[in-house]
Amino acid sequence: MTAVKQLIAVALVWSIALPAWPQVRPPPPPPDDEVPPPPRQVPLEEMGYFESCFGVPRVGAGRFGISGEVVIPLSGGTSSGPSAPAVPIATGSSDERAWLIAAVLATIALPVVLYSIDKPAPRLVLQRFQCPTFTLDILGGADSGRGALGEGSFGFVSTRFGFGIGHIATDFQYDGAPQAVSSFSTHFLVRATPRDHVEGGLAIGYRRSVLHDRIQSGLEVGLPHRYALWRDGLRTLALELRPLLLVGSSVEPSLEAAFLFPLAQVLHLRVGGRVYTFEGSLLWGLSGGLSFTL
């Protein structure tokens, strides 16, 4: 009898608890649209050469992304100054040559001062500085001079090829002139990180010049540089200066200046002139041409 009463009590408890069982179930999970999806891992695509070197700048992307820069001081460019007095200079036309040497040294010193106070270059210019850069200058003009060339002007053509990447560059130049000074030269350049308005580097190389049966050659040092007067991306209106000193049996200075007018992204018009000495005789001329940069 007692066992029957226990079974009846268990049945009553079970019948009361069974309707309440759905109420103690855990709440359903939130909808799928409320759960933020995990971040999708997109592989970094390498930029092509044109996008890296001519396109919109992007930091740290691609093979030629911008990295940390180490500024190379340009004070070494004036090291050729103290060596000039040690080389004998001929008495003929010495005043003209001395004035030109002073102008070359001043042209070397000026960008060093401006570089130290200039602000950093735009990001696209720094990105282009890290890319392999090929330059080709094709010029034509005429030289004049009282001593070496006599009366009149004599035409010349000039071709300059350059290659650079980062802080290292090199160039080769050939000047052909049947009745004037023909020459070829090559230089190794250590370039500083570009600034907003000043670009350039220290050049050390060799030059050989020929006028009829007269030859002068020797070590050449200088500081080729340019001043960016206006920028639109890589299109730049600039003044380019090439002050150089040829150290051989005597010191022969040369100073070339040209304005660069942008015609396209990789093409500039060059208009300028040059003044230099050959065995102490002062020569000068005007030139114009095109400059390609790839």
C-alpha atoms as a PDB file:
ATOM      1  CA  MET A   1       0.000   0.000   0.000  1.00  0.00           C
ATOM      2  CA  THR A   2       2.864   2.322   0.873  1.00  0.00           C
ATOM      3  CA  ALA A   3       4.568   1.579  -2.463  1.00  0.00           C
ATOM      4  CA  VAL A   4       1.359   2.449  -4.336  1.00  0.00           C
ATOM      5  CA  LYS A   5       1.170   5.814  -2.559  1.00  0.00           C
ATOM      6  CA  GLN A   6       4.804   6.566  -3.516  1.00  0.00           C
ATOM      7  CA  LEU A   7       4.149   5.794  -7.182  1.00  0.00           C
ATOM      8  CA  ILE A   8       1.083   8.052  -7.161  1.00  0.00           C
ATOM      9  CA  ALA A   9       3.171  10.901  -5.609  1.00  0.00           C
ATOM     10  CA  VAL A  10       5.923  10.528  -8.258  1.00  0.00           C
ATOM     11  CA  ALA A  11       3.329  10.592 -11.017  1.00  0.00           C
ATOM     12  CA  LEU A  12       1.770  13.799  -9.620  1.00  0.00           C
ATOM     13  CA  VAL A  13       5.197  15.542  -9.412  1.00  0.00           C
ATOM     14  CA  TRP A  14       6.085  14.463 -12.968  1.00  0.00           C
ATOM     15  CA  SER A  15       2.749  15.704 -14.346  1.00  0.00           C
ATOM     16  CA  ILE A  16       3.255  19.126 -12.713  1.00  0.00           C
ATOM     17  CA  ALA A  17       6.920  19.557 -13.867  1.00  0.00           C
ATOM     18  CA  LEU A  18       6.397  18.404 -17.451  1.00  0.00           C
ATOM     19  CA  PRO A  19       4.439  21.503 -18.679  1.00  0.00           C
ATOM     20  CA  ALA A  20       7.150  23.794 -17.245  1.00  0.00           C
ATOM     21  CA  TRP A  21      10.035  21.997 -19.001  1.00  0.00           C
ATOM     22  CA  PRO A  22      10.079  24.194 -22.147  1.00  0.00           C
ATOM     23  CA  GLN A  23      10.424  27.295 -19.955  1.00  0.00           C
ATOM     24  CA  VAL A  24      13.846  26.259 -18.607  1.00  0.00           C
ATOM     25  CA  ARG A  25      15.445  25.680 -21.989  1.00  0.00           C
ATOM     26  CA  PRO A  26      18.458  27.983 -22.823  1.00  0.00           C
ATOM     27  CA  PRO A  27      17.706  31.028 -24.988  1.00  0.00           C
ATOM     28  CA  PRO A  28      18.285  30.589 -28.718  1.00  0.00           C
ATOM     29  CA  PRO A  29      21.592  31.932 -30.202  1.00  0.00           C
ATOM     30  CA  PRO A  30      21.573  35.415 -31.704  1.00  0.00           C
ATOM     31  CA  PRO A  31      20.889  35.777 -35.413  1.00  0.00           C
ATOM     32  CA  ASP A  32      23.810  35.304 -37.785  1.00  0.00           C
ATOM     33  CA  ASP A  33      23.686  38.918 -38.979  1.00  0.00           C
ATOM     34  CA  GLU A  34      24.525  40.185 -35.489  1.00  0.00           C
ATOM     35  CA  VAL A  35      27.808  38.237 -35.293  1.00  0.00           C
ATOM     36  CA  PRO A  36      30.677  40.256 -36.880  1.00  0.00           C
ATOM     37  CA  PRO A  37      32.412  38.221 -39.548  1.00  0.00           C
ATOM     38  CA  PRO A  38      36.087  37.449 -38.943  1.00  0.00           C
ATOM     39  CA  PRO A  39      38.538  39.728 -40.758  1.00  0.00           C
ATOM     40  CA  ARG A  40      39.326  38.473 -44.201  1.00  0.00           C
ATOM     41  CA  GLN A  41      43.019  38.013 -44.888  1.00  0.00           C
ATOM     42  CA  VAL A  42      43.785  39.597 -48.239  1.00  0.00           C
ATOM     43  CA  PRO A  43      47.245  38.840 -49.618  1.00  0.00           C
ATOM     44  CA  LEU A  44      49.345  41.940 -50.330  1.00  0.00           C
ATOM     45  CA  GLU A  45      49.757  42.331 -54.056  1.00  0.00           C
ATOM     46  CA  GLU A  46      53.070  43.608 -55.276  1.00  0.00           C
ATOM     47  CA  MET A  47      52.913  46.867 -57.181  1.00  0.00           C
ATOM     48  CA  GLY A  48      54.282  46.998 -60.675  1.00  0.00           C
ATOM     49  CA  TYR A  49      57.196  49.205 -61.702  1.00  0.00           C
ATOM     50  CA  PHE A  50      55.048  51.969 -63.152  1.00  0.00           C
ATOM     51  CA  GLU A  51      52.728  52.162 -60.130  1.00  0.00           C
ATOM     52  CA  SER A  52      55.655  52.139 -57.694  1.00  0.00           C
ATOM     53  CA  CYS A  53      57.707  54.741 -59.506  1.00  0.00           C
ATOM     54  CA  PHE A  54      55.146  56.947 -61.231  1.00  0.00           C
ATOM     55  CA  GLY A  55      51.813  56.285 -59.528  1.00  0.00           C
ATOM     56  CA  VAL A  56      50.175  57.387 -56.293  1.00  0.00           C
ATOM     57  CA  PRO A  57      52.557  56.905 -53.341  1.00  0.00           C
ATOM     58  CA  ARG A  58      51.786  54.116 -50.879  1.00  0.00           C
ATOM     59  CA  VAL A  59      53.887  53.550 -47.792  1.00  0.00           C
ATOM     60  CA  GLY A  60      55.367  50.117 -47.231  1.00  0.00           C
ATOM     61  CA  ALA A  61      53.619  48.408 -50.172  1.00  0.00           C
ATOM     62  CA  GLY A  62      55.294  46.744 -53.081  1.00  0.00           C
ATOM     63  CA  ARG A  63      58.840  45.991 -53.983  1.00  0.00           C
ATOM     64  CA  PHE A  64      59.877  49.629 -54.010  1.00  0.00           C
ATOM     65  CA  GLY A  65      58.034  50.816 -50.904  1.00  0.00           C
ATOM     66  CA  ILE A  66      59.416  53.712 -48.891  1.00  0.00           C
ATOM     67  CA  SER A  67      61.859  52.709 -46.196  1.00  0.00           C
ATOM     68  CA  GLY A  68      63.905  54.613 -43.688  1.00  0.00           C
ATOM     69  CA  GLU A  69      66.313  57.119 -45.169  1.00  0.00           C
ATOM     70  CA  VAL A  70      69.806  58.002 -44.029  1.00  0.00           C
ATOM     71  CA  VAL A  71      70.734  61.536 -45.036  1.00  0.00           C
ATOM     72  CA  ILE A  72      74.192  61.732 -46.591  1.00  0.00           C
ATOM     73  CA  PRO A  73      75.888  65.034 -45.774  1.00  0.00           C
ATOM     74  CA  LEU A  74      77.106  67.069 -48.710  1.00  0.00           C
ATOM     75  CA  SER A  75      79.920  68.850 -46.936  1.00  0.00           C
ATOM     76  CA  GLY A  76      82.430  66.619 -48.711  1.00  0.00           C
ATOM     77  CA  GLY A  77      81.613  68.393 -51.979  1.00  0.00           C
ATOM     78  CA  THR A  78      83.826  71.330 -51.000  1.00  0.00           C
ATOM     79  CA  SER A  79      86.836  69.132 -50.333  1.00  0.00           C
ATOM     80  CA  SER A  80      88.180  70.025 -53.770  1.00  0.00           C
ATOM     81  CA  GLY A  81      88.636  73.645 -52.668  1.00  0.00           C
ATOM     82  CA  PRO A  82      91.826  73.267 -50.596  1.00  0.00           C
ATOM     83  CA  SER A  83      93.503  71.182 -53.321  1.00  0.00           C
ATOM     84  CA  ALA A  84      93.124  73.884 -55.995  1.00  0.00           C
ATOM     85  CA  PRO A  85      95.966  76.195 -54.873  1.00  0.00           C
ATOM     86  CA  ALA A  86      98.409  73.261 -54.782  1.00  0.00           C
ATOM     87  CA  VAL A  87      98.088  72.767 -58.558  1.00  0.00           C
ATOM     88  CA  PRO A  88     100.083  75.195 -60.714  1.00  0.00           C
ATOM     89  CA  ILE A  89      98.004  77.524 -62.863  1.00  0.00           C
ATOM     90  CA  ALA A  90      99.331  79.128 -66.001  1.00  0.00           C
ATOM     91  CA  THR A  91      99.671  82.908 -65.982  1.00  0.00           C
ATOM     92  CA  GLY A  92      97.742  83.386 -69.219  1.00  0.00           C
ATOM     93  CA  SER A  93      94.035  84.113 -68.598  1.00  0.00           C
ATOM     94  CA  SER A  94      94.623  83.360 -64.923  1.00  0.00           C
ATOM     95  CA  ASP A  95      92.210  86.076 -63.787  1.00  0.00           C
ATOM     96  CA  GLU A  96      89.318  84.661 -65.802  1.00  0.00           C
ATOM     97  CA  ARG A  97      90.036  81.149 -64.590  1.00  0.00           C
ATOM     98  CA  ALA A  98      90.361  82.306 -60.988  1.00  0.00           C
ATOM     99  CA  TRP A  99      86.982  84.035 -61.148  1.00  0.00           C
ATOM    100  CA  LEU A 100      85.385  80.938 -62.653  1.00  0.00           C
ATOM    101  CA  ILE A 101      86.944  78.696 -59.970  1.00  0.00           C
ATOM    102  CA  ALA A 102      85.489  81.003 -57.304  1.00  0.00           C
ATOM    103  CA  ALA A 103      82.069  80.820 -58.989  1.00  0.00           C
ATOM    104  CA  VAL A 104      82.240  77.012 -59.125  1.00  0.00           C
ATOM    105  CA  LEU A 105      83.154  76.768 -55.424  1.00  0.00           C
ATOM    106  CA  ALA A 106      80.310  79.142 -54.498  1.00  0.00           C
ATOM    107  CA  THR A 107      77.891  77.076 -56.588  1.00  0.00           C
ATOM    108  CA  ILE A 108      79.068  73.966 -54.720  1.00  0.00           C
ATOM    109  CA  ALA A 109      78.632  75.571 -51.296  1.00  0.00           C
ATOM    110  CA  LEU A 110      75.168  77.093 -51.843  1.00  0.00           C
ATOM    111  CA  PRO A 111      73.129  73.842 -52.027  1.00  0.00           C
ATOM    112  CA  VAL A 112      74.862  72.525 -48.900  1.00  0.00           C
ATOM    113  CA  VAL A 113      73.492  75.485 -46.942  1.00  0.00           C
ATOM    114  CA  LEU A 114      70.019  75.316 -48.486  1.00  0.00           C
ATOM    115  CA  TYR A 115      69.823  71.547 -48.025  1.00  0.00           C
ATOM    116  CA  SER A 116      70.325  71.861 -44.265  1.00  0.00           C
ATOM    117  CA  ILE A 117      67.306  74.174 -43.858  1.00  0.00           C
ATOM    118  CA  ASP A 118      65.016  72.727 -46.533  1.00  0.00           C
ATOM    119  CA  LYS A 119      62.003  70.605 -45.583  1.00  0.00           C
ATOM    120  CA  PRO A 120      61.551  66.930 -46.591  1.00  0.00           C
ATOM    121  CA  ALA A 121      60.568  66.115 -50.151  1.00  0.00           C
ATOM    122  CA  PRO A 122      57.046  64.939 -51.067  1.00  0.00           C
ATOM    123  CA  ARG A 123      56.377  61.243 -50.567  1.00  0.00           C
ATOM    124  CA  LEU A 124      56.155  60.525 -54.299  1.00  0.00           C
ATOM    125  CA  VAL A 125      59.595  62.070 -54.877  1.00  0.00           C
ATOM    126  CA  LEU A 126      61.086  59.916 -52.113  1.00  0.00           C
ATOM    127  CA  GLN A 127      59.393  56.846 -53.562  1.00  0.00           C
ATOM    128  CA  ARG A 128      60.779  57.624 -57.036  1.00  0.00           C
ATOM    129  CA  PHE A 129      64.255  58.095 -55.506  1.00  0.00           C
ATOM    130  CA  GLN A 130      64.266  54.415 -54.488  1.00  0.00           C
ATOM    131  CA  CYS A 131      63.419  53.189 -57.989  1.00  0.00           C
ATOM    132  CA  PRO A 132      65.915  52.409 -60.751  1.00  0.00           C
ATOM    133  CA  THR A 133      66.123  55.618 -62.781  1.00  0.00           C
ATOM    134  CA  PHE A 134      67.434  56.013 -66.320  1.00  0.00           C
ATOM    135  CA  THR A 135      68.070  59.478 -67.761  1.00  0.00           C
ATOM    136  CA  LEU A 136      69.029  60.546 -71.269  1.00  0.00           C
ATOM    137  CA  ASP A 137      69.879  64.139 -72.201  1.00  0.00           C
ATOM    138  CA  ILE A 138      70.270  65.115 -75.861  1.00  0.00           C
ATOM    139  CA  LEU A 139      71.589  68.639 -76.408  1.00  0.00           C
ATOM    140  CA  GLY A 140      72.817  70.877 -79.171  1.00  0.00           C
ATOM    141  CA  GLY A 141      74.412  74.315 -79.080  1.00  0.00           C
ATOM    142  CA  ALA A 142      77.385  76.483 -79.927  1.00  0.00           C
ATOM    143  CA  ASP A 143      80.568  77.511 -78.082  1.00  0.00           C
ATOM    144  CA  SER A 144      82.583  80.705 -78.378  1.00  0.00           C
ATOM    145  CA  GLY A 145      85.946  81.788 -77.016  1.00  0.00           C
ATOM    146  CA  ARG A 146      88.586  84.380 -77.769  1.00  0.00           C
ATOM    147  CA  GLY A 147      91.728  82.374 -77.054  1.00  0.00           C
ATOM    148  CA  ALA A 148      91.278  78.708 -77.899  1.00  0.00           C
ATOM    149  CA  LEU A 149      88.629  79.001 -80.614  1.00  0.00           C
ATOM    150  CA  GLY A 150      89.428  82.384 -82.095  1.00  0.00           C
ATOM    151  CA  GLU A 151      86.632  84.464 -83.562  1.00  0.00           C
ATOM    152  CA  GLY A 152      83.168  83.078 -84.161  1.00  0.00           C
ATOM    153  CA  SER A 153      80.993  80.336 -82.702  1.00  0.00           C
ATOM    154  CA  PHE A 154      81.255  76.626 -83.304  1.00  0.00           C
ATOM    155  CA  GLY A 155      78.486  74.066 -82.890  1.00  0.00           C
ATOM    156  CA  PHE A 156      78.490  70.974 -80.720  1.00  0.00           C
ATOM    157  CA  VAL A 157      76.182  68.111 -79.815  1.00  0.00           C
ATOM    158  CA  SER A 158      76.105  66.464 -76.410  1.00  0.00           C
ATOM    159  CA  THR A 159      74.666  63.216 -75.094  1.00  0.00           C
ATOM    160  CA  ARG A 160      74.508  62.339 -71.411  1.00  0.00           C
ATOM    161  CA  PHE A 161      73.291  59.009 -70.059  1.00  0.00           C
ATOM    162  CA  GLY A 162      72.729  58.362 -66.366  1.00  0.00           C
ATOM    163  CA  PHE A 163      71.537  55.581 -64.108  1.00  0.00           C
ATOM    164  CA  GLY A 164      70.768  55.725 -60.397  1.00  0.00           C
ATOM    165  CA  ILE A 165      68.990  53.913 -57.618  1.00  0.00           C
ATOM    166  CA  GLY A 166      68.813  55.271 -54.106  1.00  0.00           C
ATOM    167  CA  HIS A 167      72.008  56.951 -52.970  1.00  0.00           C
ATOM    168  CA  ILE A 168      74.175  55.564 -55.809  1.00  0.00           C
ATOM    169  CA  ALA A 169      74.282  56.818 -59.410  1.00  0.00           C
ATOM    170  CA  THR A 170      76.574  57.083 -62.400  1.00  0.00           C
ATOM    171  CA  ASP A 171      76.660  59.032 -65.661  1.00  0.00           C
ATOM    172  CA  PHE A 172      78.491  59.119 -68.981  1.00  0.00           C
ATOM    173  CA  GLN A 173      78.681  62.154 -71.277  1.00  0.00           C
ATOM    174  CA  TYR A 174      80.064  62.695 -74.784  1.00  0.00           C
ATOM    175  CA  ASP A 175      80.439  66.092 -76.469  1.00  0.00           C
ATOM    176  CA  GLY A 176      81.177  66.106 -80.186  1.00  0.00           C
ATOM    177  CA  ALA A 177      82.413  69.277 -81.938  1.00  0.00           C
ATOM    178  CA  PRO A 178      84.424  69.171 -85.204  1.00  0.00           C
ATOM    179  CA  GLN A 179      85.823  72.716 -84.769  1.00  0.00           C
ATOM    180  CA  ALA A 180      85.556  73.137 -80.983  1.00  0.00           C
ATOM    181  CA  VAL A 181      86.317  71.125 -77.850  1.00  0.00           C
ATOM    182  CA  SER A 182      85.250  67.482 -77.934  1.00  0.00           C
ATOM    183  CA  SER A 183      85.231  65.490 -74.712  1.00  0.00           C
ATOM    184  CA  PHE A 184      83.945  62.497 -72.871  1.00  0.00           C
ATOM    185  CA  SER A 185      83.510  62.053 -69.143  1.00  0.00           C
ATOM    186  CA  THR A 186      82.146  59.580 -66.644  1.00  0.00           C
ATOM    187  CA  HIS A 187      81.312  60.032 -62.975  1.00  0.00           C
ATOM    188  CA  PHE A 188      80.313  58.031 -59.935  1.00  0.00           C
ATOM    189  CA  LEU A 189      77.814  59.908 -57.766  1.00  0.00           C
ATOM    190  CA  VAL A 190      76.854  59.571 -54.111  1.00  0.00           C
ATOM    191  CA  ARG A 191      73.445  61.207 -53.859  1.00  0.00           C
ATOM    192  CA  ALA A 192      71.772  62.692 -50.812  1.00  0.00           C
ATOM    193  CA  THR A 193      68.141  62.024 -49.974  1.00  0.00           C
ATOM    194  CA  PRO A 194      66.070  64.573 -51.947  1.00  0.00           C
ATOM    195  CA  ARG A 195      64.633  67.534 -50.110  1.00  0.00           C
ATOM    196  CA  ASP A 196      61.640  69.603 -51.122  1.00  0.00           C
ATOM    197  CA  HIS A 197      63.668  72.057 -53.217  1.00  0.00           C
ATOM    198  CA  VAL A 198      67.234  70.660 -53.371  1.00  0.00           C
ATOM    199  CA  GLU A 199      68.466  67.450 -55.005  1.00  0.00           C
ATOM    200  CA  GLY A 200      72.036  66.462 -55.757  1.00  0.00           C
ATOM    201  CA  GLY A 201      75.139  64.525 -54.844  1.00  0.00           C
ATOM    202  CA  LEU A 202      78.922  64.383 -54.868  1.00  0.00           C
ATOM    203  CA  ALA A 203      80.445  63.398 -58.244  1.00  0.00           C
ATOM    204  CA  ILE A 204      83.919  61.937 -58.760  1.00  0.00           C
ATOM    205  CA  GLY A 205      85.110  60.828 -62.172  1.00  0.00           C
ATOM    206  CA  TYR A 206      87.335  61.310 -65.210  1.00  0.00           C
ATOM    207  CA  ARG A 207      87.257  63.737 -68.136  1.00  0.00           C
ATOM    208  CA  ARG A 208      89.263  63.890 -71.350  1.00  0.00           C
ATOM    209  CA  SER A 209      88.963  66.932 -73.627  1.00  0.00           C
ATOM    210  CA  VAL A 210      90.469  67.381 -77.100  1.00  0.00           C
ATOM    211  CA  LEU A 211      90.911  70.528 -79.197  1.00  0.00           C
ATOM    212  CA  HIS A 212      92.652  69.761 -82.493  1.00  0.00           C
ATOM    213  CA  ASP A 213      95.974  68.238 -81.350  1.00  0.00           C
ATOM    214  CA  ARG A 214      95.780  69.511 -77.756  1.00  0.00           C
ATOM    215  CA  ILE A 215      94.557  67.197 -74.991  1.00  0.00           C
ATOM    216  CA  GLN A 216      93.751  67.765 -71.348  1.00  0.00           C
ATOM    217  CA  SER A 217      92.537  65.080 -68.945  1.00  0.00           C
ATOM    218  CA  GLY A 218      92.404  64.281 -65.283  1.00  0.00           C
ATOM    219  CA  LEU A 219      90.271  63.655 -62.217  1.00  0.00           C
ATOM    220  CA  GLU A 220      87.022  65.613 -62.082  1.00  0.00           C
ATOM    221  CA  VAL A 221      85.061  66.370 -58.904  1.00  0.00           C
ATOM    222  CA  GLY A 222      81.974  68.457 -58.281  1.00  0.00           C
ATOM    223  CA  LEU A 223      78.422  68.675 -57.017  1.00  0.00           C
ATOM    224  CA  PRO A 224      75.750  68.371 -59.744  1.00  0.00           C
ATOM    225  CA  HIS A 225      72.406  69.392 -58.278  1.00  0.00           C
ATOM    226  CA  ARG A 226      69.053  70.964 -59.081  1.00  0.00           C
ATOM    227  CA  TYR A 227      66.611  73.342 -57.442  1.00  0.00           C
ATOM    228  CA  ALA A 228      62.948  72.376 -57.777  1.00  0.00           C
ATOM    229  CA  LEU A 229      61.047  75.613 -58.364  1.00  0.00           C
ATOM    230  CA  TRP A 230      57.625  73.979 -58.865  1.00  0.00           C
ATOM    231  CA  ARG A 231      56.294  70.429 -58.597  1.00  0.00           C
ATOM    232  CA  ASP A 232      53.205  68.631 -59.861  1.00  0.00           C
ATOM    233  CA  GLY A 233      53.800  65.006 -58.955  1.00  0.00           C
ATOM    234  CA  LEU A 234      56.960  64.111 -60.874  1.00  0.00           C
ATOM    235  CA  ARG A 235      56.574  67.000 -63.321  1.00  0.00           C
ATOM    236  CA  THR A 236      59.108  69.542 -62.091  1.00  0.00           C
ATOM    237  CA  LEU A 237      60.170  72.996 -63.179  1.00  0.00           C
ATOM    238  CA  ALA A 238      63.775  73.120 -62.031  1.00  0.00           C
ATOM    239  CA  LEU A 239      67.125  74.845 -62.360  1.00  0.00           C
ATOM    240  CA  GLU A 240      69.953  72.335 -62.817  1.00  0.00           C
ATOM    241  CA  LEU A 241      73.573  73.270 -62.091  1.00  0.00           C
ATOM    242  CA  ARG A 242      76.708  71.197 -62.714  1.00  0.00           C
ATOM    243  CA  PRO A 243      79.771  72.821 -61.067  1.00  0.00           C
ATOM    244  CA  LEU A 244      82.888  70.702 -61.718  1.00  0.00           C
ATOM    245  CA  LEU A 245      86.656  71.017 -61.320  1.00  0.00           C
ATOM    246  CA  LEU A 246      89.047  69.113 -63.571  1.00  0.00           C
ATOM    247  CA  VAL A 247      92.297  68.480 -61.690  1.00  0.00           C
ATOM    248  CA  GLY A 248      95.185  67.535 -63.968  1.00  0.00           C
ATOM    249  CA  SER A 249      98.283  69.487 -64.879  1.00  0.00           C
ATOM    250  CA  SER A 250      96.208  72.525 -63.877  1.00  0.00           C
ATOM    251  CA  VAL A 251      92.744  73.222 -62.502  1.00  0.00           C
ATOM    252  CA  GLU A 252      90.119  73.660 -65.227  1.00  0.00           C
ATOM    253  CA  PRO A 253      86.669  74.719 -63.915  1.00  0.00           C
ATOM    254  CA  SER A 254      83.365  74.236 -65.680  1.00  0.00           C
ATOM    255  CA  LEU A 255      79.856  75.389 -64.805  1.00  0.00           C
ATOM    256  CA  GLU A 256      76.753  74.266 -66.687  1.00  0.00           C
ATOM    257  CA  ALA A 257      73.271  75.650 -65.984  1.00  0.00           C
ATOM    258  CA  ALA A 258      69.925  74.735 -67.522  1.00  0.00           C
ATOM    259  CA  PHE A 259      66.229  75.300 -66.855  1.00  0.00           C
ATOM    260  CA  LEU A 260      64.054  72.179 -67.121  1.00  0.00           C
ATOM    261  CA  PHE A 261      60.493  72.735 -68.315  1.00  0.00           C
ATOM    262  CA  PRO A 262      58.101  69.761 -67.963  1.00  0.00           C
ATOM    263  CA  LEU A 263      56.486  68.610 -71.183  1.00  0.00           C
ATOM    264  CA  ALA A 264      55.223  65.232 -69.922  1.00  0.00           C
ATOM    265  CA  GLN A 265      55.663  62.889 -66.980  1.00  0.00           C
ATOM    266  CA  VAL A 266      59.005  61.612 -68.311  1.00  0.00           C
ATOM    267  CA  LEU A 267      60.006  64.399 -70.724  1.00  0.00           C
ATOM    268  CA  HIS A 268      61.529  67.833 -70.011  1.00  0.00           C
ATOM    269  CA  LEU A 269      62.777  70.630 -72.230  1.00  0.00           C
ATOM    270  CA  ARG A 270      66.291  71.848 -71.362  1.00  0.00           C
ATOM    271  CA  VAL A 271      67.442  75.393 -72.101  1.00  0.00           C
ATOM    272  CA  GLY A 272      70.698  76.758 -70.716  1.00  0.00           C
ATOM    273  CA  GLY A 273      74.378  77.307 -71.242  1.00  0.00           C
ATOM    274  CA  ARG A 274      77.859  76.549 -69.996  1.00  0.00           C
ATOM    275  CA  VAL A 275      81.180  78.218 -69.300  1.00  0.00           C
ATOM    276  CA  TYR A 276      84.497  76.404 -68.889  1.00  0.00           C
ATOM    277  CA  THR A 277      88.211  76.667 -69.542  1.00  0.00           C
ATOM    278  CA  PHE A 278      90.521  74.686 -71.793  1.00  0.00           C
ATOM    279  CA  GLU A 279      94.206  75.056 -70.885  1.00  0.00           C
ATOM    280  CA  GLY A 280      93.389  78.379 -69.268  1.00  0.00           C
ATOM    281  CA  SER A 281      91.331  79.785 -72.154  1.00  0.00           C
ATOM    282  CA  LEU A 282      87.770  80.754 -71.286  1.00  0.00           C
ATOM    283  CA  LEU A 283      84.955  79.328 -73.438  1.00  0.00           C
ATOM    284  CA  TRP A 284      81.203  79.769 -73.170  1.00  0.00           C
ATOM    285  CA  GLY A 285      78.108  78.705 -75.068  1.00  0.00           C
ATOM    286  CA  LEU A 286      74.346  78.174 -75.154  1.00  0.00           C
ATOM    287  CA  SER A 287      72.473  74.918 -75.611  1.00  0.00           C
ATOM    288  CA  GLY A 288      69.029  73.392 -75.733  1.00  0.00           C
ATOM    289  CA  GLY A 289      67.539  69.926 -75.961  1.00  0.00           C
ATOM    290  CA  LEU A 290      65.398  67.266 -74.333  1.00  0.00           C
ATOM    291  CA  SER A 291      65.731  65.218 -71.158  1.00  0.00           C
ATOM    292  CA  PHE A 292      64.103  61.787 -70.808  1.00  0.00           C
ATOM    293  CA  THR A 293      63.631  60.066 -67.433  1.00  0.00           C
ATOM    294  CA  LEU A 294      62.416  56.470 -67.097  1.00  0.00           C
END
